[in-house]
Amino acid sequence: MNIGNATRLRIIELCCERNITLNKLSIISGITQSTLNNIISGRNNSTTISTIKKICDGLEITIQEFFSSELFNDLEQEIK
């Protein structure tokens, strides 16, 4: 799995755990709905750490908590 897919799946997982919609996440994170939709749809595979930090702030979690998921274990090497 690559980092883009892992990030997308982690966002979906966190929303499901908290029973919130992507629209609600965009509101509480201060991220535009279109940016979040691009991440979730896979059109944006290079989400910035700044955007992830905003998501974490909206969800009231740390960046460490965001990345402490098995989704981020065994990622593909990005440079070939």
N, C-alpha and C. Protein backbone atom coordinates (compact mmCIF):
# COMPACT_ATOMS: atom_id res chain seq x y z
N MET A 1 0.85 -1.17 0.00
CA MET A 1 0.00 0.00 0.00
C MET A 1 0.90 1.24 0.00
N ASN A 2 0.47 2.29 -0.70
CA ASN A 2 1.25 3.52 -0.69
C ASN A 2 0.70 4.48 0.36
N ILE A 3 1.45 5.55 0.62
CA ILE A 3 1.10 6.49 1.68
C ILE A 3 -0.23 7.19 1.41
N GLY A 4 -0.53 7.48 0.15
CA GLY A 4 -1.80 8.13 -0.19
C GLY A 4 -2.99 7.27 0.17
N ASN A 5 -2.91 5.98 -0.18
CA ASN A 5 -4.02 5.07 0.15
C ASN A 5 -4.15 4.88 1.65
N ALA A 6 -3.03 4.76 2.34
CA ALA A 6 -3.06 4.58 3.79
C ALA A 6 -3.67 5.80 4.47
N THR A 7 -3.32 6.99 4.01
CA THR A 7 -3.87 8.23 4.57
C THR A 7 -5.36 8.29 4.34
N ARG A 8 -5.77 8.00 3.13
CA ARG A 8 -7.20 8.01 2.79
C ARG A 8 -7.98 7.04 3.68
N LEU A 9 -7.49 5.82 3.80
CA LEU A 9 -8.17 4.82 4.62
C LEU A 9 -8.19 5.19 6.10
N ARG A 10 -7.11 5.83 6.57
CA ARG A 10 -7.06 6.24 7.97
C ARG A 10 -8.09 7.33 8.26
N ILE A 11 -8.26 8.27 7.35
CA ILE A 11 -9.27 9.32 7.53
C ILE A 11 -10.66 8.70 7.58
N ILE A 12 -10.94 7.79 6.67
CA ILE A 12 -12.24 7.11 6.65
C ILE A 12 -12.45 6.34 7.95
N GLU A 13 -11.41 5.64 8.40
CA GLU A 13 -11.48 4.86 9.64
C GLU A 13 -11.78 5.76 10.84
N LEU A 14 -11.11 6.89 10.93
CA LEU A 14 -11.33 7.80 12.06
C LEU A 14 -12.73 8.41 12.03
N CYS A 15 -13.23 8.72 10.85
CA CYS A 15 -14.60 9.23 10.74
C CYS A 15 -15.62 8.18 11.18
N CYS A 16 -15.40 6.95 10.78
CA CYS A 16 -16.31 5.86 11.17
C CYS A 16 -16.28 5.65 12.68
N GLU A 17 -15.08 5.67 13.27
CA GLU A 17 -14.95 5.50 14.72
C GLU A 17 -15.72 6.57 15.48
N ARG A 18 -15.75 7.78 14.93
CA ARG A 18 -16.39 8.91 15.61
C ARG A 18 -17.80 9.18 15.11
N ASN A 19 -18.21 8.39 14.15
CA ASN A 19 -19.54 8.51 13.56
C ASN A 19 -19.78 9.93 13.02
N ILE A 20 -18.80 10.44 12.27
CA ILE A 20 -18.96 11.74 11.63
C ILE A 20 -18.79 11.59 10.12
N THR A 21 -19.42 12.50 9.41
CA THR A 21 -19.33 12.49 7.96
C THR A 21 -18.09 13.25 7.51
N LEU A 22 -17.73 13.08 6.26
CA LEU A 22 -16.62 13.84 5.70
C LEU A 22 -16.94 15.33 5.70
N ASN A 23 -18.19 15.68 5.49
CA ASN A 23 -18.59 17.08 5.52
C ASN A 23 -18.34 17.66 6.91
N LYS A 24 -18.72 16.93 7.94
CA LYS A 24 -18.48 17.37 9.32
C LYS A 24 -16.98 17.50 9.58
N LEU A 25 -16.20 16.54 9.09
CA LEU A 25 -14.75 16.61 9.26
C LEU A 25 -14.18 17.86 8.59
N SER A 26 -14.66 18.20 7.42
CA SER A 26 -14.15 19.39 6.74
C SER A 26 -14.47 20.64 7.56
N ILE A 27 -15.62 20.68 8.18
CA ILE A 27 -16.01 21.84 8.99
C ILE A 27 -15.14 21.96 10.24
N ILE A 28 -14.99 20.86 10.97
CA ILE A 28 -14.25 20.94 12.24
C ILE A 28 -12.74 21.06 12.03
N SER A 29 -12.28 20.71 10.82
CA SER A 29 -10.85 20.78 10.51
C SER A 29 -10.45 22.07 9.82
N GLY A 30 -11.42 22.76 9.28
CA GLY A 30 -11.10 23.97 8.52
C GLY A 30 -10.51 23.66 7.16
N ILE A 31 -10.82 22.49 6.64
CA ILE A 31 -10.35 22.07 5.32
C ILE A 31 -11.55 22.14 4.37
N THR A 32 -11.31 22.62 3.16
CA THR A 32 -12.43 22.70 2.24
C THR A 32 -12.94 21.30 1.90
N GLN A 33 -14.22 21.24 1.62
CA GLN A 33 -14.84 19.97 1.25
C GLN A 33 -14.17 19.40 0.01
N SER A 34 -13.79 20.26 -0.94
CA SER A 34 -13.18 19.77 -2.17
C SER A 34 -11.80 19.16 -1.89
N THR A 35 -11.03 19.75 -0.99
CA THR A 35 -9.73 19.17 -0.63
C THR A 35 -9.92 17.80 -0.02
N LEU A 36 -10.84 17.68 0.91
CA LEU A 36 -11.10 16.40 1.56
C LEU A 36 -11.62 15.38 0.55
N ASN A 37 -12.50 15.80 -0.34
CA ASN A 37 -13.01 14.89 -1.37
C ASN A 37 -11.88 14.40 -2.28
N ASN A 38 -10.94 15.28 -2.61
CA ASN A 38 -9.80 14.88 -3.45
C ASN A 38 -8.92 13.87 -2.75
N ILE A 39 -8.74 14.02 -1.45
CA ILE A 39 -7.95 13.05 -0.68
C ILE A 39 -8.67 11.70 -0.66
N ILE A 40 -9.94 11.72 -0.33
CA ILE A 40 -10.71 10.48 -0.18
C ILE A 40 -10.89 9.76 -1.51
N SER A 41 -11.05 10.50 -2.58
CA SER A 41 -11.26 9.88 -3.90
C SER A 41 -9.97 9.36 -4.50
N GLY A 42 -8.84 9.78 -3.94
CA GLY A 42 -7.56 9.34 -4.49
C GLY A 42 -6.99 10.28 -5.53
N ARG A 43 -7.69 11.39 -5.82
CA ARG A 43 -7.16 12.36 -6.79
C ARG A 43 -5.95 13.09 -6.21
N ASN A 44 -5.88 13.16 -4.87
CA ASN A 44 -4.74 13.78 -4.21
C ASN A 44 -4.02 12.70 -3.42
N ASN A 45 -2.88 12.26 -3.94
CA ASN A 45 -2.10 11.22 -3.27
C ASN A 45 -0.92 11.78 -2.50
N SER A 46 -0.82 13.09 -2.42
CA SER A 46 0.31 13.70 -1.72
C SER A 46 -0.20 14.74 -0.72
N THR A 47 -1.01 14.30 0.20
CA THR A 47 -1.56 15.19 1.22
C THR A 47 -0.43 15.77 2.05
N THR A 48 -0.48 17.06 2.30
CA THR A 48 0.58 17.69 3.07
C THR A 48 0.43 17.39 4.56
N ILE A 49 1.52 17.47 5.27
CA ILE A 49 1.48 17.24 6.71
C ILE A 49 0.66 18.34 7.38
N SER A 50 0.63 19.52 6.79
CA SER A 50 -0.18 20.62 7.31
C SER A 50 -1.67 20.27 7.26
N THR A 51 -2.10 19.65 6.17
CA THR A 51 -3.50 19.22 6.05
C THR A 51 -3.80 18.11 7.04
N ILE A 52 -2.88 17.18 7.20
CA ILE A 52 -3.09 16.10 8.17
C ILE A 52 -3.16 16.68 9.59
N LYS A 53 -2.34 17.68 9.87
CA LYS A 53 -2.37 18.32 11.19
C LYS A 53 -3.72 18.98 11.44
N LYS A 54 -4.29 19.62 10.43
CA LYS A 54 -5.61 20.22 10.57
C LYS A 54 -6.67 19.16 10.84
N ILE A 55 -6.57 18.04 10.15
CA ILE A 55 -7.50 16.93 10.40
C ILE A 55 -7.35 16.44 11.84
N CYS A 56 -6.12 16.28 12.28
CA CYS A 56 -5.86 15.85 13.66
C CYS A 56 -6.43 16.85 14.66
N ASP A 57 -6.23 18.13 14.41
CA ASP A 57 -6.76 19.15 15.31
C ASP A 57 -8.29 19.08 15.37
N GLY A 58 -8.92 18.91 14.23
CA GLY A 58 -10.37 18.80 14.18
C GLY A 58 -10.89 17.57 14.94
N LEU A 59 -10.13 16.49 14.85
CA LEU A 59 -10.52 15.25 15.53
C LEU A 59 -10.02 15.20 16.97
N GLU A 60 -9.25 16.21 17.36
CA GLU A 60 -8.66 16.30 18.70
C GLU A 60 -7.77 15.09 19.00
N ILE A 61 -6.91 14.79 18.02
CA ILE A 61 -5.90 13.74 18.20
C ILE A 61 -4.55 14.30 17.81
N THR A 62 -3.51 13.60 18.19
CA THR A 62 -2.16 14.02 17.81
C THR A 62 -1.80 13.41 16.46
N ILE A 63 -0.76 13.98 15.86
CA ILE A 63 -0.26 13.40 14.62
C ILE A 63 0.22 11.97 14.87
N GLN A 64 0.82 11.74 16.04
CA GLN A 64 1.28 10.40 16.39
C GLN A 64 0.11 9.42 16.41
N GLU A 65 -1.03 9.86 16.96
CA GLU A 65 -2.22 8.99 16.98
C GLU A 65 -2.72 8.72 15.57
N PHE A 66 -2.64 9.73 14.71
CA PHE A 66 -3.08 9.53 13.33
C PHE A 66 -2.27 8.42 12.67
N PHE A 67 -0.96 8.50 12.84
CA PHE A 67 -0.09 7.54 12.17
C PHE A 67 0.10 6.23 12.93
N SER A 68 -0.45 6.12 14.13
CA SER A 68 -0.31 4.86 14.88
C SER A 68 -1.42 3.90 14.47
N SER A 69 -1.34 3.48 13.26
CA SER A 69 -2.29 2.55 12.68
C SER A 69 -1.51 1.53 11.86
N GLU A 70 -1.99 0.32 11.85
CA GLU A 70 -1.32 -0.71 11.06
C GLU A 70 -1.34 -0.40 9.57
N LEU A 71 -2.20 0.51 9.16
CA LEU A 71 -2.23 0.92 7.76
C LEU A 71 -0.89 1.47 7.30
N PHE A 72 -0.13 2.05 8.22
CA PHE A 72 1.13 2.68 7.87
C PHE A 72 2.33 1.75 8.02
N ASN A 73 2.08 0.53 8.45
CA ASN A 73 3.14 -0.47 8.51
C ASN A 73 3.34 -1.04 7.11
N ASP A 74 4.54 -1.31 6.74
CA ASP A 74 4.85 -1.97 5.46
C ASP A 74 4.39 -1.19 4.23
N LEU A 75 4.58 0.12 4.25
CA LEU A 75 4.25 0.93 3.07
C LEU A 75 5.23 0.63 1.95
N GLU A 76 4.75 0.74 0.72
CA GLU A 76 5.62 0.58 -0.44
C GLU A 76 6.67 1.68 -0.45
N GLN A 77 7.81 1.38 -1.00
CA GLN A 77 8.81 2.41 -1.20
C GLN A 77 8.31 3.33 -2.30
N GLU A 78 8.35 4.64 -2.05
CA GLU A 78 7.83 5.61 -3.01
C GLU A 78 8.82 5.89 -4.14
N ILE A 79 10.11 5.83 -3.85
CA ILE A 79 11.13 6.08 -4.87
C ILE A 79 11.62 4.74 -5.40
N LYS A 80 11.58 4.60 -6.71
CA LYS A 80 11.99 3.32 -7.30
C LYS A 80 13.16 3.52 -8.20
